[in-house]
Amino acid sequence: MRIRSYTPPRSHPPQEANPATPPLPYPDGWFCVGFSTEWPPGTVHTRPFMGEDLVIYRTRSGKLRASRPYCPHLGAHLGAGGKVDGEQLVCPFHKFSFDTEGKCVQTPFGPPPKASLTFVKLTEAYGIVWAWHHHNDDTPTWELPELGLTDGHPPLFKGTDMAGHPQEICENFFDYGHLQPLHGVEFLGEASPPREDGQIYHLASTINRRLPLVGGRQHSISAAVIGLGGIFVVMDLSQYGIHSANWVLATPIAPWRVRVYLAVSSHVTWGRNSPAPVRARVSNAAARAVSAGMLQGLAQDVRRDYPIWHQKTYLKHPKLSRADGLIGTYRKWARQFYPPGDQKAPSGSGG
């Protein structure tokens, strides 16, 4: 995957990407490090995550693993030339091999030493690869939810690096007041009461916006905020035979620096009257074409937020107005993803 870096206009002073004292710490939870289609069997990729590299690889049988980057033998970076050999990851330096539990099981020089890789917990869901982070390196305390996605093509996606933090990006969805001035979207109200469900926050709203090809339309969207890892938005355009799952995923890659992934997967009901042998091919090709258009539209929309996210600072006690939506409520809910007693964590209060 090609990752772009956001560059602000020349008229804006550059934001410090890695401040010495970032306003918010790394949050706990599940965060996107890529997409399942990027790791066919035998593939090794390096991804930045919480201030270090993760070396993520898939064995020949399909097992996906994420290791901290340095070989315990003499410190070689496993992502700089490391290879998969069957079910083992092989270090590029001395060809020491490690099994799927991280144990060194083979060397070219005789019996292996007592050495092991340190793995980071991964899970695959919705065509997305998620890595777990906890401030005490604890094992996962919650699992990703069942979202009821229909079978369809793997997500189409793109990514951008910029200054910022996942909490700021997820907060956007609770900030009703910015929709009209920044996105030209009329917020018509909540379609149902917002609902907290542990680490998942559910929202449904009605908006009026202009859509490609069909013009201005009033429609409902439902969303699930999954920890601070990102937002899942369902667009049900059944009158056009389209059901679209849209993702905005925010992953900390360094202090006050984030990688924002956008992804779309669609299902269409077109071609239902086609002959059975061609129906699946027609439907899948149409769904991918719709997703490509939806992804382009999502990127154009979210791109308006990029200069805001990249340049803004975090205010622990913002001066909220009644038009600001659920920002205070969201911050209180977000408090669970930080270490207890952390003075930088959100308080949920406005000034």
Protein backbone atom coordinates (compact mmCIF):
# COMPACT_ATOMS: atom_id res chain seq x y z
CA MET A 1 0.00 0.00 0.00
CA ARG A 2 1.27 3.43 -0.91
CA ILE A 3 1.04 5.84 2.04
CA ARG A 4 0.95 9.56 1.40
CA SER A 5 2.13 12.18 3.87
CA TYR A 6 -0.07 15.20 4.34
CA THR A 7 1.72 18.45 3.51
CA PRO A 8 0.05 21.64 4.74
CA PRO A 9 -0.16 24.77 2.56
CA ARG A 10 2.94 26.93 2.63
CA SER A 11 1.02 29.65 4.42
CA HIS A 12 0.65 27.36 7.45
CA PRO A 13 3.57 26.80 9.81
CA PRO A 14 4.45 23.10 10.03
CA GLN A 15 3.03 21.21 12.99
CA GLU A 16 5.60 19.51 15.19
CA ALA A 17 5.09 15.86 14.31
CA ASN A 18 6.64 14.37 17.45
CA PRO A 19 6.41 16.89 20.30
CA ALA A 20 8.46 16.23 23.41
CA THR A 21 5.31 16.28 25.53
CA PRO A 22 2.35 15.17 23.39
CA PRO A 23 -1.01 16.40 24.73
CA LEU A 24 -2.46 12.88 24.80
CA PRO A 25 -0.76 9.51 25.41
CA TYR A 26 -1.15 6.47 23.22
CA PRO A 27 -4.60 4.97 23.81
CA ASP A 28 -5.30 1.31 24.52
CA GLY A 29 -7.28 -0.84 22.12
CA TRP A 30 -7.37 -2.29 18.61
CA PHE A 31 -5.88 -0.29 15.72
CA CYS A 32 -5.63 -0.89 11.99
CA VAL A 33 -2.17 -1.82 10.66
CA GLY A 34 -3.31 -2.77 7.17
CA PHE A 35 -5.70 -4.99 5.24
CA SER A 36 -5.86 -8.74 4.86
CA THR A 37 -5.31 -8.66 1.11
CA GLU A 38 -1.86 -7.12 1.67
CA TRP A 39 -0.59 -10.36 3.23
CA PRO A 40 -0.90 -13.33 0.91
CA PRO A 41 0.96 -16.38 2.29
CA GLY A 42 4.71 -15.81 2.50
CA THR A 43 4.49 -12.00 2.69
CA VAL A 44 6.41 -9.79 5.15
CA HIS A 45 5.62 -6.08 5.68
CA THR A 46 6.86 -3.56 8.23
CA ARG A 47 4.35 -1.12 9.72
CA PRO A 48 4.88 1.77 12.19
CA PHE A 49 2.89 1.36 15.39
CA MET A 50 3.02 3.26 18.68
CA GLY A 51 6.54 4.59 18.18
CA GLU A 52 8.15 1.41 16.86
CA ASP A 53 8.01 -0.95 13.91
CA LEU A 54 5.93 -4.08 13.71
CA VAL A 55 7.10 -6.82 11.36
CA ILE A 56 3.90 -8.49 10.16
CA TYR A 57 4.05 -11.72 8.16
CA ARG A 58 1.80 -14.53 7.01
CA THR A 59 3.02 -18.12 7.00
CA ARG A 60 2.43 -20.50 4.11
CA SER A 61 -0.56 -22.04 5.92
CA GLY A 62 -2.09 -18.59 6.43
CA LYS A 63 -1.19 -17.73 10.04
CA LEU A 64 -0.66 -13.99 10.54
CA ARG A 65 1.86 -12.81 13.12
CA ALA A 66 3.28 -9.44 14.25
CA SER A 67 6.73 -9.35 15.84
CA ARG A 68 8.64 -6.53 17.42
CA PRO A 69 11.30 -5.68 14.88
CA TYR A 70 14.68 -6.85 16.17
CA CYS A 71 16.10 -10.35 16.13
CA PRO A 72 17.04 -11.47 19.67
CA HIS A 73 20.26 -12.96 18.31
CA LEU A 74 22.23 -9.86 17.24
CA GLY A 75 19.60 -7.22 16.64
CA ALA A 76 18.94 -7.35 12.89
CA HIS A 77 15.70 -5.76 11.75
CA LEU A 78 13.49 -8.66 10.72
CA GLY A 79 11.58 -6.52 8.24
CA ALA A 80 14.72 -5.54 6.33
CA GLY A 81 15.09 -8.70 4.29
CA GLY A 82 13.41 -11.24 6.57
CA LYS A 83 11.64 -14.07 4.73
CA VAL A 84 8.94 -16.64 5.40
CA ASP A 85 10.03 -20.26 5.01
CA GLY A 86 6.97 -22.45 5.41
CA GLU A 87 5.74 -21.71 8.94
CA GLN A 88 8.89 -19.91 10.06
CA LEU A 89 10.19 -16.35 9.89
CA VAL A 90 13.87 -16.30 8.92
CA CYS A 91 16.18 -13.48 10.05
CA PRO A 92 18.07 -11.84 7.15
CA PHE A 93 21.37 -11.61 9.09
CA HIS A 94 22.34 -15.12 10.26
CA LYS A 95 19.27 -17.05 8.99
CA PHE A 96 17.97 -17.95 12.44
CA SER A 97 14.40 -19.27 12.10
CA PHE A 98 11.44 -18.64 14.44
CA ASP A 99 8.22 -20.63 14.62
CA THR A 100 4.66 -19.32 14.95
CA GLU A 101 5.02 -19.17 18.74
CA GLY A 102 8.11 -16.96 18.35
CA LYS A 103 10.61 -19.61 19.46
CA CYS A 104 13.96 -19.91 17.71
CA VAL A 105 13.89 -23.44 16.25
CA GLN A 106 16.71 -23.59 13.71
CA THR A 107 20.09 -22.03 12.87
CA PRO A 108 22.74 -22.79 10.23
CA PHE A 109 25.26 -23.34 13.05
CA GLY A 110 23.74 -26.14 15.10
CA PRO A 111 21.28 -26.19 18.01
CA PRO A 112 19.30 -22.93 18.39
CA PRO A 113 19.77 -20.71 21.44
CA LYS A 114 17.00 -20.07 23.95
CA ALA A 115 15.65 -17.03 22.13
CA SER A 116 12.18 -15.89 21.20
CA LEU A 117 10.50 -13.13 19.28
CA THR A 118 8.11 -10.82 21.09
CA PHE A 119 4.75 -10.92 19.37
CA VAL A 120 2.02 -8.28 19.35
CA LYS A 121 -1.52 -9.62 19.29
CA LEU A 122 -3.25 -9.41 15.90
CA THR A 123 -6.76 -10.15 14.73
CA GLU A 124 -8.41 -9.99 11.34
CA ALA A 125 -11.96 -8.69 11.04
CA TYR A 126 -13.96 -7.10 8.19
CA GLY A 127 -10.97 -7.54 5.86
CA ILE A 128 -8.86 -5.36 8.19
CA VAL A 129 -5.76 -6.35 10.20
CA TRP A 130 -5.91 -4.97 13.76
CA ALA A 131 -3.06 -4.82 16.29
CA TRP A 132 -3.63 -4.63 20.04
CA HIS A 133 -1.97 -2.02 22.26
CA HIS A 134 -2.08 -1.76 26.04
CA HIS A 135 -0.04 0.56 28.24
CA ASN A 136 0.97 -2.38 30.47
CA ASP A 137 1.32 -4.88 27.59
CA ASP A 138 -1.73 -6.70 28.95
CA THR A 139 -3.54 -9.16 26.69
CA PRO A 140 -6.74 -8.00 24.96
CA THR A 141 -9.55 -7.14 27.34
CA TRP A 142 -12.23 -6.86 24.66
CA GLU A 143 -12.92 -8.18 21.19
CA LEU A 144 -14.03 -6.51 18.00
CA PRO A 145 -17.81 -6.56 17.53
CA GLU A 146 -19.92 -8.45 15.06
CA LEU A 147 -21.06 -5.79 12.59
CA GLY A 148 -23.34 -7.89 10.43
CA LEU A 149 -21.47 -7.12 7.22
CA THR A 150 -22.78 -8.89 4.15
CA ASP A 151 -20.41 -11.02 2.14
CA GLY A 152 -18.70 -8.93 -0.49
CA HIS A 153 -15.39 -7.91 -1.91
CA PRO A 154 -12.42 -7.02 0.35
CA PRO A 155 -12.21 -3.32 1.24
CA LEU A 156 -10.59 -0.85 -1.14
CA PHE A 157 -8.34 1.47 0.85
CA LYS A 158 -5.77 4.25 1.02
CA GLY A 159 -3.70 5.84 3.80
CA THR A 160 -2.25 9.21 4.80
CA ASP A 161 0.24 10.14 7.56
CA MET A 162 -0.10 13.41 9.44
CA ALA A 163 0.23 15.05 12.82
CA GLY A 164 -2.60 14.25 15.19
CA HIS A 165 -4.13 11.67 17.51
CA PRO A 166 -6.88 9.02 17.18
CA GLN A 167 -9.08 10.69 19.79
CA GLU A 168 -9.19 13.90 17.77
CA ILE A 169 -10.15 12.06 14.60
CA CYS A 170 -12.92 9.97 16.19
CA GLU A 171 -14.20 13.10 17.93
CA ASN A 172 -15.07 14.51 14.52
CA PHE A 173 -18.07 12.23 14.28
CA PHE A 174 -19.53 13.62 17.51
CA ASP A 175 -18.94 17.21 16.43
CA TYR A 176 -22.21 18.00 14.67
CA GLY A 177 -21.37 21.69 14.51
CA HIS A 178 -18.58 21.29 11.94
CA LEU A 179 -20.66 19.42 9.33
CA GLN A 180 -22.26 22.41 7.65
CA PRO A 181 -19.36 24.91 7.59
CA LEU A 182 -16.65 22.38 6.64
CA HIS A 183 -18.48 19.69 4.67
CA GLY A 184 -21.61 21.41 3.44
CA VAL A 185 -23.75 18.76 5.12
CA GLU A 186 -26.99 19.70 6.85
CA PHE A 187 -27.39 17.82 10.12
CA LEU A 188 -31.10 17.03 10.54
CA GLY A 189 -30.94 15.26 13.88
CA GLU A 190 -30.31 11.96 15.59
CA ALA A 191 -32.30 9.12 14.06
CA SER A 192 -32.13 7.24 17.37
CA PRO A 193 -30.58 7.97 20.78
CA PRO A 194 -26.77 7.49 20.90
CA ARG A 195 -25.82 4.32 22.73
CA GLU A 196 -22.69 3.29 24.61
CA ASP A 197 -21.95 -0.43 24.56
CA GLY A 198 -18.71 -0.88 26.46
CA GLN A 199 -15.89 -0.11 24.05
CA ILE A 200 -18.29 0.55 21.16
CA TYR A 201 -20.31 3.73 20.70
CA HIS A 202 -23.32 3.60 18.36
CA LEU A 203 -24.79 6.62 16.61
CA ALA A 204 -27.44 7.07 13.94
CA SER A 205 -28.29 10.38 12.35
CA THR A 206 -30.20 11.91 9.47
CA ILE A 207 -28.39 14.28 7.14
CA ASN A 208 -29.01 16.11 3.91
CA ARG A 209 -26.11 16.13 1.50
CA ARG A 210 -25.25 16.08 -2.15
CA LEU A 211 -24.27 12.68 -3.53
CA PRO A 212 -22.46 11.95 -6.81
CA LEU A 213 -24.83 11.27 -9.73
CA VAL A 214 -28.02 11.59 -7.67
CA GLY A 215 -27.73 15.14 -6.30
CA GLY A 216 -29.05 16.39 -2.97
CA ARG A 217 -30.61 13.66 -0.86
CA GLN A 218 -31.80 13.22 2.69
CA HIS A 219 -30.68 9.91 4.13
CA SER A 220 -29.77 8.16 7.35
CA ILE A 221 -26.38 6.88 8.36
CA SER A 222 -25.53 4.54 11.20
CA ALA A 223 -22.10 4.42 12.76
CA ALA A 224 -20.10 2.46 15.29
CA VAL A 225 -17.04 4.02 16.90
CA ILE A 226 -14.76 1.08 17.74
CA GLY A 227 -12.64 2.14 20.68
CA LEU A 228 -10.44 4.96 19.48
CA GLY A 229 -9.33 2.89 16.49
CA GLY A 230 -11.83 4.29 14.05
CA ILE A 231 -15.33 4.76 12.79
CA PHE A 232 -17.51 2.37 10.80
CA VAL A 233 -20.30 4.07 8.86
CA VAL A 234 -23.08 2.30 6.97
CA MET A 235 -24.69 4.10 4.05
CA ASP A 236 -27.92 2.37 3.08
CA LEU A 237 -28.93 3.61 -0.37
CA SER A 238 -31.31 0.75 -1.02
CA GLN A 239 -33.35 2.86 -3.43
CA TYR A 240 -30.30 2.69 -5.70
CA GLY A 241 -29.45 -0.92 -4.88
CA ILE A 242 -26.35 0.07 -2.86
CA HIS A 243 -25.23 -0.84 0.67
CA SER A 244 -21.84 0.64 1.53
CA ALA A 245 -19.55 0.09 4.53
CA ASN A 246 -17.17 3.03 5.02
CA TRP A 247 -14.22 3.18 7.39
CA VAL A 248 -12.14 6.01 8.82
CA LEU A 249 -9.37 4.34 10.84
CA ALA A 250 -6.82 6.19 12.95
CA THR A 251 -3.61 4.48 14.11
CA PRO A 252 -0.90 6.13 16.25
CA ILE A 253 2.48 5.64 14.60
CA ALA A 254 4.56 8.03 16.76
CA PRO A 255 3.89 10.65 19.47
CA TRP A 256 1.22 12.97 18.09
CA ARG A 257 1.46 11.40 14.65
CA VAL A 258 -1.21 9.24 13.11
CA ARG A 259 -1.86 7.17 10.01
CA VAL A 260 -5.40 7.64 8.72
CA TYR A 261 -6.77 4.78 6.63
CA LEU A 262 -9.90 5.20 4.53
CA ALA A 263 -11.63 2.05 3.31
CA VAL A 264 -14.86 1.11 1.55
CA SER A 265 -16.59 -2.17 0.81
CA SER A 266 -19.95 -2.21 -0.99
CA HIS A 267 -22.73 -4.62 -1.80
CA VAL A 268 -25.09 -4.04 -4.72
CA THR A 269 -28.32 -5.70 -5.79
CA TRP A 270 -27.83 -5.01 -9.46
CA GLY A 271 -27.92 -7.91 -11.88
CA ARG A 272 -30.31 -10.01 -9.82
CA ASN A 273 -32.07 -11.05 -13.01
CA SER A 274 -28.84 -12.08 -14.75
CA PRO A 275 -28.22 -15.77 -15.48
CA ALA A 276 -26.80 -17.55 -12.45
CA PRO A 277 -23.35 -18.26 -13.97
CA VAL A 278 -22.65 -14.55 -14.53
CA ARG A 279 -24.62 -13.05 -11.62
CA ALA A 280 -21.80 -13.25 -9.06
CA ARG A 281 -19.22 -11.82 -11.46
CA VAL A 282 -21.50 -8.97 -12.48
CA SER A 283 -22.42 -8.19 -8.89
CA ASN A 284 -18.81 -8.29 -7.66
CA ALA A 285 -17.51 -6.11 -10.50
CA ALA A 286 -20.31 -3.61 -9.94
CA ALA A 287 -19.71 -3.56 -6.19
CA ARG A 288 -16.01 -2.87 -6.65
CA ALA A 289 -16.79 -0.07 -9.10
CA VAL A 290 -19.22 1.46 -6.61
CA SER A 291 -16.63 1.13 -3.83
CA ALA A 292 -13.97 2.84 -5.95
CA GLY A 293 -16.32 5.78 -6.49
CA MET A 294 -17.35 5.82 -2.84
CA LEU A 295 -13.70 5.74 -1.72
CA GLN A 296 -12.89 8.69 -3.96
CA GLY A 297 -15.85 10.59 -2.53
CA LEU A 298 -14.91 9.67 1.04
CA ALA A 299 -11.34 10.82 0.45
CA GLN A 300 -12.48 14.15 -0.99
CA ASP A 301 -14.77 14.67 1.98
CA VAL A 302 -12.33 13.67 4.71
CA ARG A 303 -9.51 15.59 3.03
CA ARG A 304 -11.22 18.77 4.21
CA ASP A 305 -10.50 17.68 7.76
CA TYR A 306 -6.80 17.02 7.14
CA PRO A 307 -5.52 20.59 7.60
CA ILE A 308 -7.65 20.91 10.74
CA TRP A 309 -6.36 17.69 12.28
CA HIS A 310 -2.78 18.38 11.25
CA GLN A 311 -2.66 21.91 12.65
CA LYS A 312 -4.98 21.88 15.66
CA THR A 313 -4.03 21.50 19.29
CA TYR A 314 -5.87 19.50 21.92
CA LEU A 315 -7.81 21.52 24.49
CA LYS A 316 -8.51 19.52 27.62
CA HIS A 317 -11.22 21.96 28.73
CA PRO A 318 -12.84 23.28 25.55
CA LYS A 319 -15.39 26.09 25.64
CA LEU A 320 -18.27 24.07 24.23
CA SER A 321 -21.51 25.46 22.86
CA ARG A 322 -24.92 23.82 22.62
CA ALA A 323 -24.39 23.26 18.89
CA ASP A 324 -21.30 21.12 19.44
CA GLY A 325 -23.14 17.84 19.82
CA LEU A 326 -21.79 15.02 21.98
CA ILE A 327 -18.16 16.06 22.39
CA GLY A 328 -18.28 16.15 26.20
CA THR A 329 -20.09 12.81 26.36
CA TYR A 330 -17.61 11.28 23.92
CA ARG A 331 -14.61 12.40 25.96
CA LYS A 332 -16.01 10.88 29.13
CA TRP A 333 -16.53 7.61 27.25
CA ALA A 334 -13.00 7.80 25.74
CA ARG A 335 -11.46 8.00 29.22
CA GLN A 336 -11.59 4.19 29.48
CA PHE A 337 -8.87 3.81 26.83
CA TYR A 338 -6.15 5.50 28.91
CA PRO A 339 -4.19 4.44 31.99
CA PRO A 340 -6.06 5.12 35.25
CA GLY A 341 -5.00 8.40 36.80
CA ASP A 342 -3.23 9.67 33.67
CA GLN A 343 -3.36 13.45 33.96
CA LYS A 344 -3.31 13.93 30.20
CA ALA A 345 -6.37 11.78 29.58
CA PRO A 346 -9.65 13.49 28.65
CA SER A 347 -11.85 14.69 31.49
CA GLY A 348 -14.98 15.13 29.39
CA SER A 349 -15.65 18.56 30.80
CA GLY A 350 -15.92 21.84 29.01
CA GLY A 351 -14.62 25.13 30.39
